[in-house]
PDB file of N, CA and C in Angstrom:
ATOM      1  N   MET A   1      37.864 111.303-183.049  1.00  0.00           N
ATOM      2  CA  MET A   1      37.526 110.348-182.008  1.00  0.00           C
ATOM      3  C   MET A   1      36.334 109.505-182.445  1.00  0.00           C
ATOM      4  N   MET A   2      36.472 108.225-182.315  1.00  0.00           N
ATOM      5  CA  MET A   2      35.415 107.310-182.722  1.00  0.00           C
ATOM      6  C   MET A   2      34.582 106.910-181.507  1.00  0.00           C
ATOM      7  N   SER A   3      33.271 107.001-181.640  1.00  0.00           N
ATOM      8  CA  SER A   3      32.411 106.619-180.520  1.00  0.00           C
ATOM      9  C   SER A   3      32.052 105.140-180.638  1.00  0.00           C
ATOM     10  N   LYS A   4      31.748 104.548-179.483  1.00  0.00           N
ATOM     11  CA  LYS A   4      31.367 103.138-179.461  1.00  0.00           C
ATOM     12  C   LYS A   4      29.988 102.979-180.079  1.00  0.00           C
ATOM     13  N   GLN A   5      29.806 101.850-180.748  1.00  0.00           N
ATOM     14  CA  GLN A   5      28.504 101.548-181.308  1.00  0.00           C
ATOM     15  C   GLN A   5      27.530 101.282-180.170  1.00  0.00           C
ATOM     16  N   GLN A   6      26.323 101.750-180.336  1.00  0.00           N
ATOM     17  CA  GLN A   6      25.277 101.522-179.346  1.00  0.00           C
ATOM     18  C   GLN A   6      24.294 100.497-179.884  1.00  0.00           C
ATOM     19  N   TYR A   7      23.885  99.588-179.027  1.00  0.00           N
ATOM     20  CA  TYR A   7      22.900  98.567-179.375  1.00  0.00           C
ATOM     21  C   TYR A   7      21.639  98.821-178.564  1.00  0.00           C
ATOM     22  N   ALA A   8      20.502  98.710-179.206  1.00  0.00           N
ATOM     23  CA  ALA A   8      19.223  98.830-178.499  1.00  0.00           C
ATOM     24  C   ALA A   8      18.582  97.451-178.486  1.00  0.00           C
ATOM     25  N   TYR A   9      18.127  97.040-177.318  1.00  0.00           N
ATOM     26  CA  TYR A   9      17.438  95.758-177.233  1.00  0.00           C
ATOM     27  C   TYR A   9      16.453  95.732-176.080  1.00  0.00           C
ATOM     28  N   ARG A  10      15.556  94.778-176.194  1.00  0.00           N
ATOM     29  CA  ARG A  10      14.565  94.542-175.139  1.00  0.00           C
ATOM     30  C   ARG A  10      15.068  93.358-174.338  1.00  0.00           C
ATOM     31  N   VAL A  11      15.186  93.554-173.049  1.00  0.00           N
ATOM     32  CA  VAL A  11      15.654  92.478-172.173  1.00  0.00           C
ATOM     33  C   VAL A  11      14.526  92.112-171.209  1.00  0.00           C
ATOM     34  N   SER A  12      14.323  90.816-171.043  1.00  0.00           N
ATOM     35  CA  SER A  12      13.285  90.312-170.142  1.00  0.00           C
ATOM     36  C   SER A  12      13.910  89.313-169.178  1.00  0.00           C
ATOM     37  N   PHE A  13      13.647  89.524-167.902  1.00  0.00           N
ATOM     38  CA  PHE A  13      14.084  88.597-166.864  1.00  0.00           C
ATOM     39  C   PHE A  13      12.836  87.900-166.345  1.00  0.00           C
ATOM     40  N   TYR A  14      12.842  86.584-166.377  1.00  0.00           N
ATOM     41  CA  TYR A  14      11.718  85.796-165.888  1.00  0.00           C
ATOM     42  C   TYR A  14      12.103  85.243-164.517  1.00  0.00           C
ATOM     43  N   LEU A  15      11.241  85.475-163.540  1.00  0.00           N
ATOM     44  CA  LEU A  15      11.548  85.132-162.155  1.00  0.00           C
ATOM     45  C   LEU A  15      10.795  83.889-161.692  1.00  0.00           C
ATOM     46  N   SER A  16      11.325  83.266-160.644  1.00  0.00           N
ATOM     47  CA  SER A  16      10.762  82.019-160.132  1.00  0.00           C
ATOM     48  C   SER A  16       9.342  82.186-159.580  1.00  0.00           C
ATOM     49  N   ASN A  17       8.935  83.408-159.256  1.00  0.00           N
ATOM     50  CA  ASN A  17       7.574  83.628-158.753  1.00  0.00           C
ATOM     51  C   ASN A  17       6.571  83.883-159.883  1.00  0.00           C
ATOM     52  N   GLY A  18       7.033  83.712-161.141  1.00  0.00           N
ATOM     53  CA  GLY A  18       6.150  83.878-162.291  1.00  0.00           C
ATOM     54  C   GLY A  18       6.121  85.288-162.854  1.00  0.00           C
ATOM     55  N   LYS A  19       6.788  86.221-162.200  1.00  0.00           N
ATOM     56  CA  LYS A  19       6.796  87.602-162.673  1.00  0.00           C
ATOM     57  C   LYS A  19       7.865  87.808-163.735  1.00  0.00           C
ATOM     58  N   GLU A  20       7.687  88.878-164.492  1.00  0.00           N
ATOM     59  CA  GLU A  20       8.637  89.253-165.542  1.00  0.00           C
ATOM     60  C   GLU A  20       9.043  90.700-165.337  1.00  0.00           C
ATOM     61  N   VAL A  21      10.340  90.964-165.442  1.00  0.00           N
ATOM     62  CA  VAL A  21      10.864  92.325-165.405  1.00  0.00           C
ATOM     63  C   VAL A  21      11.474  92.563-166.773  1.00  0.00           C
ATOM     64  N   SER A  22      10.965  93.562-167.493  1.00  0.00           N
ATOM     65  CA  SER A  22      11.482  93.776-168.835  1.00  0.00           C
ATOM     66  C   SER A  22      11.473  95.247-169.196  1.00  0.00           C
ATOM     67  N   GLY A  23      12.230  95.560-170.206  1.00  0.00           N
ATOM     68  CA  GLY A  23      12.278  96.917-170.706  1.00  0.00           C
ATOM     69  C   GLY A  23      13.263  97.034-171.846  1.00  0.00           C
ATOM     70  N   ARG A  24      13.261  98.199-172.459  1.00  0.00           N
ATOM     71  CA  ARG A  24      14.159  98.450-173.578  1.00  0.00           C
ATOM     72  C   ARG A  24      15.352  99.244-173.078  1.00  0.00           C
ATOM     73  N   ILE A  25      16.544  98.804-173.424  1.00  0.00           N
ATOM     74  CA  ILE A  25      17.752  99.502-173.009  1.00  0.00           C
ATOM     75  C   ILE A  25      18.683  99.686-174.194  1.00  0.00           C
ATOM     76  N   THR A  26      19.566 100.647-174.061  1.00  0.00           N
ATOM     77  CA  THR A  26      20.622 100.882-175.039  1.00  0.00           C
ATOM     78  C   THR A  26      21.929 100.637-174.315  1.00  0.00           C
ATOM     79  N   HIS A  27      22.817  99.898-174.963  1.00  0.00           N
ATOM     80  CA  HIS A  27      24.056  99.518-174.306  1.00  0.00           C
ATOM     81  C   HIS A  27      25.170  99.474-175.333  1.00  0.00           C
ATOM     82  N   HIS A  28      26.416  99.614-174.881  1.00  0.00           N
ATOM     83  CA  HIS A  28      27.559  99.581-175.792  1.00  0.00           C
ATOM     84  C   HIS A  28      27.996  98.161-176.136  1.00  0.00           C
ATOM     85  N   GLU A  29      27.471  97.157-175.455  1.00  0.00           N
ATOM     86  CA  GLU A  29      27.810  95.763-175.753  1.00  0.00           C
ATOM     87  C   GLU A  29      26.743  95.153-176.650  1.00  0.00           C
ATOM     88  N   ASP A  30      27.185  94.270-177.542  1.00  0.00           N
ATOM     89  CA  ASP A  30      26.211  93.571-178.375  1.00  0.00           C
ATOM     90  C   ASP A  30      25.408  92.630-177.478  1.00  0.00           C
ATOM     91  N   PRO A  31      24.225  92.206-177.926  1.00  0.00           N
ATOM     92  CA  PRO A  31      23.362  91.375-177.071  1.00  0.00           C
ATOM     93  C   PRO A  31      24.030  90.094-176.565  1.00  0.00           C
ATOM     94  N   GLU A  32      24.855  89.444-177.387  1.00  0.00           N
ATOM     95  CA  GLU A  32      25.500  88.200-176.964  1.00  0.00           C
ATOM     96  C   GLU A  32      26.461  88.450-175.802  1.00  0.00           C
ATOM     97  N   THR A  33      27.251  89.511-175.900  1.00  0.00           N
ATOM     98  CA  THR A  33      28.202  89.849-174.836  1.00  0.00           C
ATOM     99  C   THR A  33      27.458  90.232-173.559  1.00  0.00           C
ATOM    100  N   TYR A  34      26.390  91.012-173.703  1.00  0.00           N
ATOM    101  CA  TYR A  34      25.583  91.422-172.551  1.00  0.00           C
ATOM    102  C   TYR A  34      24.977  90.206-171.862  1.00  0.00           C
ATOM    103  N   LEU A  35      24.465  89.264-172.655  1.00  0.00           N
ATOM    104  CA  LEU A  35      23.865  88.053-172.088  1.00  0.00           C
ATOM    105  C   LEU A  35      24.910  87.234-171.338  1.00  0.00           C
ATOM    106  N   LYS A  36      26.115  87.112-171.877  1.00  0.00           N
ATOM    107  CA  LYS A  36      27.183  86.377-171.192  1.00  0.00           C
ATOM    108  C   LYS A  36      27.531  87.023-169.853  1.00  0.00           C
ATOM    109  N   ALA A  37      27.545  88.364-169.817  1.00  0.00           N
ATOM    110  CA  ALA A  37      27.827  89.073-168.567  1.00  0.00           C
ATOM    111  C   ALA A  37      26.735  88.791-167.530  1.00  0.00           C
ATOM    112  N   ILE A  38      25.486  88.811-167.976  1.00  0.00           N
ATOM    113  CA  ILE A  38      24.365  88.514-167.072  1.00  0.00           C
ATOM    114  C   ILE A  38      24.445  87.074-166.579  1.00  0.00           C
ATOM    115  N   GLU A  39      24.753  86.141-167.487  1.00  0.00           N
ATOM    116  CA  GLU A  39      24.872  84.734-167.094  1.00  0.00           C
ATOM    117  C   GLU A  39      25.950  84.554-166.025  1.00  0.00           C
ATOM    118  N   GLY A  40      27.054  85.298-166.156  1.00  0.00           N
ATOM    119  CA  GLY A  40      28.118  85.230-165.157  1.00  0.00           C
ATOM    120  C   GLY A  40      27.645  85.686-163.791  1.00  0.00           C
ATOM    121  N   LEU A  41      26.850  86.750-163.767  1.00  0.00           N
ATOM    122  CA  LEU A  41      26.309  87.247-162.499  1.00  0.00           C
ATOM    123  C   LEU A  41      25.316  86.245-161.894  1.00  0.00           C
ATOM    124  N   ILE A  42      24.515  85.623-162.757  1.00  0.00           N
ATOM    125  CA  ILE A  42      23.536  84.640-162.276  1.00  0.00           C
ATOM    126  C   ILE A  42      24.257  83.442-161.662  1.00  0.00           C
ATOM    127  N   GLU A  43      25.301  82.965-162.336  1.00  0.00           N
ATOM    128  CA  GLU A  43      26.054  81.818-161.821  1.00  0.00           C
ATOM    129  C   GLU A  43      26.666  82.110-160.455  1.00  0.00           C
ATOM    130  N   LYS A  44      27.085  83.354-160.235  1.00  0.00           N
ATOM    131  CA  LYS A  44      27.695  83.748-158.959  1.00  0.00           C
ATOM    132  C   LYS A  44      26.651  84.207-157.951  1.00  0.00           C
ATOM    133  N   GLU A  45      25.363  84.178-158.352  1.00  0.00           N
ATOM    134  CA  GLU A  45      24.242  84.630-157.522  1.00  0.00           C
ATOM    135  C   GLU A  45      24.427  86.059-157.030  1.00  0.00           C
ATOM    136  N   LYS A  46      24.906  86.928-157.905  1.00  0.00           N
ATOM    137  CA  LYS A  46      25.086  88.342-157.590  1.00  0.00           C
ATOM    138  C   LYS A  46      23.810  89.109-157.941  1.00  0.00           C
ATOM    139  N   PRO A  47      23.482  90.147-157.172  1.00  0.00           N
ATOM    140  CA  PRO A  47      22.348  91.002-157.550  1.00  0.00           C
ATOM    141  C   PRO A  47      22.664  91.719-158.856  1.00  0.00           C
ATOM    142  N   ILE A  48      21.651  91.913-159.675  1.00  0.00           N
ATOM    143  CA  ILE A  48      21.825  92.588-160.957  1.00  0.00           C
ATOM    144  C   ILE A  48      21.123  93.935-160.880  1.00  0.00           C
ATOM    145  N   LEU A  49      21.909  95.000-161.035  1.00  0.00           N
ATOM    146  CA  LEU A  49      21.370  96.355-161.050  1.00  0.00           C
ATOM    147  C   LEU A  49      21.180  96.775-162.499  1.00  0.00           C
ATOM    148  N   ILE A  50      19.959  97.100-162.861  1.00  0.00           N
ATOM    149  CA  ILE A  50      19.666  97.583-164.199  1.00  0.00           C
ATOM    150  C   ILE A  50      19.160  99.014-164.038  1.00  0.00           C
ATOM    151  N   LYS A  51      20.078  99.964-164.088  1.00  0.00           N
ATOM    152  CA  LYS A  51      19.712 101.364-163.865  1.00  0.00           C
ATOM    153  C   LYS A  51      18.655 101.834-164.853  1.00  0.00           C
ATOM    154  N   LYS A  52      18.787 101.415-166.106  1.00  0.00           N
ATOM    155  CA  LYS A  52      17.863 101.883-167.138  1.00  0.00           C
ATOM    156  C   LYS A  52      16.455 101.332-166.958  1.00  0.00           C
ATOM    157  N   LEU A  53      16.326 100.249-166.198  1.00  0.00           N
ATOM    158  CA  LEU A  53      15.000  99.723-165.873  1.00  0.00           C
ATOM    159  C   LEU A  53      14.586 100.126-164.462  1.00  0.00           C
ATOM    160  N   GLY A  54      15.508 100.745-163.731  1.00  0.00           N
ATOM    161  CA  GLY A  54      15.218 101.199-162.379  1.00  0.00           C
ATOM    162  C   GLY A  54      14.965 100.073-161.395  1.00  0.00           C
ATOM    163  N   THR A  55      15.758  99.008-161.492  1.00  0.00           N
ATOM    164  CA  THR A  55      15.501  97.864-160.627  1.00  0.00           C
ATOM    165  C   THR A  55      16.776  97.112-160.260  1.00  0.00           C
ATOM    166  N   ILE A  56      16.715  96.425-159.155  1.00  0.00           N
ATOM    167  CA  ILE A  56      17.751  95.481-158.738  1.00  0.00           C
ATOM    168  C   ILE A  56      17.065  94.123-158.657  1.00  0.00           C
ATOM    169  N   ILE A  57      17.673  93.117-159.289  1.00  0.00           N
ATOM    170  CA  ILE A  57      17.094  91.781-159.295  1.00  0.00           C
ATOM    171  C   ILE A  57      18.044  90.833-158.577  1.00  0.00           C
ATOM    172  N   GLN A  58      17.529  90.074-157.637  1.00  0.00           N
ATOM    173  CA  GLN A  58      18.325  89.023-157.000  1.00  0.00           C
ATOM    174  C   GLN A  58      18.448  87.889-158.014  1.00  0.00           C
ATOM    175  N   SER A  59      19.651  87.662-158.492  1.00  0.00           N
ATOM    176  CA  SER A  59      19.842  86.715-159.598  1.00  0.00           C
ATOM    177  C   SER A  59      19.434  85.283-159.264  1.00  0.00           C
ATOM    178  N   LYS A  60      19.427  84.933-157.985  1.00  0.00           N
ATOM    179  CA  LYS A  60      19.040  83.556-157.638  1.00  0.00           C
ATOM    180  C   LYS A  60      17.574  83.275-157.965  1.00  0.00           C
ATOM    181  N   TYR A  61      16.771  84.325-158.194  1.00  0.00           N
ATOM    182  CA  TYR A  61      15.359  84.141-158.523  1.00  0.00           C
ATOM    183  C   TYR A  61      15.090  84.175-160.027  1.00  0.00           C
ATOM    184  N   ILE A  62      16.109  84.392-160.838  1.00  0.00           N
ATOM    185  CA  ILE A  62      15.942  84.449-162.291  1.00  0.00           C
ATOM    186  C   ILE A  62      15.928  83.025-162.836  1.00  0.00           C
ATOM    187  N   THR A  63      14.871  82.695-163.563  1.00  0.00           N
ATOM    188  CA  THR A  63      14.806  81.366-164.176  1.00  0.00           C
ATOM    189  C   THR A  63      15.364  81.389-165.589  1.00  0.00           C
ATOM    190  N   HIS A  64      15.126  82.477-166.328  1.00  0.00           N
ATOM    191  CA  HIS A  64      15.729  82.638-167.643  1.00  0.00           C
ATOM    192  C   HIS A  64      15.661  84.095-168.087  1.00  0.00           C
ATOM    193  N   VAL A  65      16.465  84.391-169.112  1.00  0.00           N
ATOM    194  CA  VAL A  65      16.599  85.757-169.629  1.00  0.00           C
ATOM    195  C   VAL A  65      16.410  85.703-171.138  1.00  0.00           C
ATOM    196  N   LYS A  66      15.729  86.714-171.678  1.00  0.00           N
ATOM    197  CA  LYS A  66      15.567  86.814-173.128  1.00  0.00           C
ATOM    198  C   LYS A  66      16.005  88.206-173.558  1.00  0.00           C
ATOM    199  N   ILE A  67      16.827  88.253-174.608  1.00  0.00           N
ATOM    200  CA  ILE A  67      17.273  89.532-175.163  1.00  0.00           C
ATOM    201  C   ILE A  67      16.938  89.540-176.643  1.00  0.00           C
ATOM    202  N   VAL A  68      16.235  90.580-177.083  1.00  0.00           N
ATOM    203  CA  VAL A  68      15.871  90.732-178.490  1.00  0.00           C
ATOM    204  C   VAL A  68      16.403  92.083-178.949  1.00  0.00           C
ATOM    205  N   GLU A  69      17.222  92.064-179.999  1.00  0.00           N
ATOM    206  CA  GLU A  69      17.777  93.323-180.518  1.00  0.00           C
ATOM    207  C   GLU A  69      16.656  94.108-181.198  1.00  0.00           C
ATOM    208  N   VAL A  70      16.650  95.420-180.953  1.00  0.00           N
ATOM    209  CA  VAL A  70      15.651  96.318-181.520  1.00  0.00           C
ATOM    210  C   VAL A  70      16.334  97.147-182.592  1.00  0.00           C
ATOM    211  N   ILE A  71      15.727  97.222-183.759  1.00  0.00           N
ATOM    212  CA  ILE A  71      16.266  98.038-184.837  1.00  0.00           C
ATOM    213  C   ILE A  71      15.734  99.450-184.676  1.00  0.00           C
ATOM    214  N   VAL A  72      16.655 100.407-184.576  1.00  0.00           N
ATOM    215  CA  VAL A  72      16.278 101.807-184.401  1.00  0.00           C
ATOM    216  C   VAL A  72      16.366 102.505-185.750  1.00  0.00           C
ATOM    217  N   CYS A  73      15.270 103.101-186.177  1.00  0.00           N
ATOM    218  CA  CYS A  73      15.253 103.792-187.479  1.00  0.00           C
ATOM    219  C   CYS A  73      15.460 105.278-187.307  1.00  0.00           C
TER     220      CYS A  73
END
């Protein structure tokens, strides 16, 4: 049985009130695919639940998102 590749990255959500919500997460999707999924939620103004960061973000308040892949040694 082959396991899915895991990607580690730092994701930052910048909010309209000037605050930043960020943290490091591991996910089975590459950063580009993950970003596209987030963009889809933002366009639909859906809340974004990030269990690994322990937060729910109202997407209508997100001004931009940054994802940086982390190399795990």
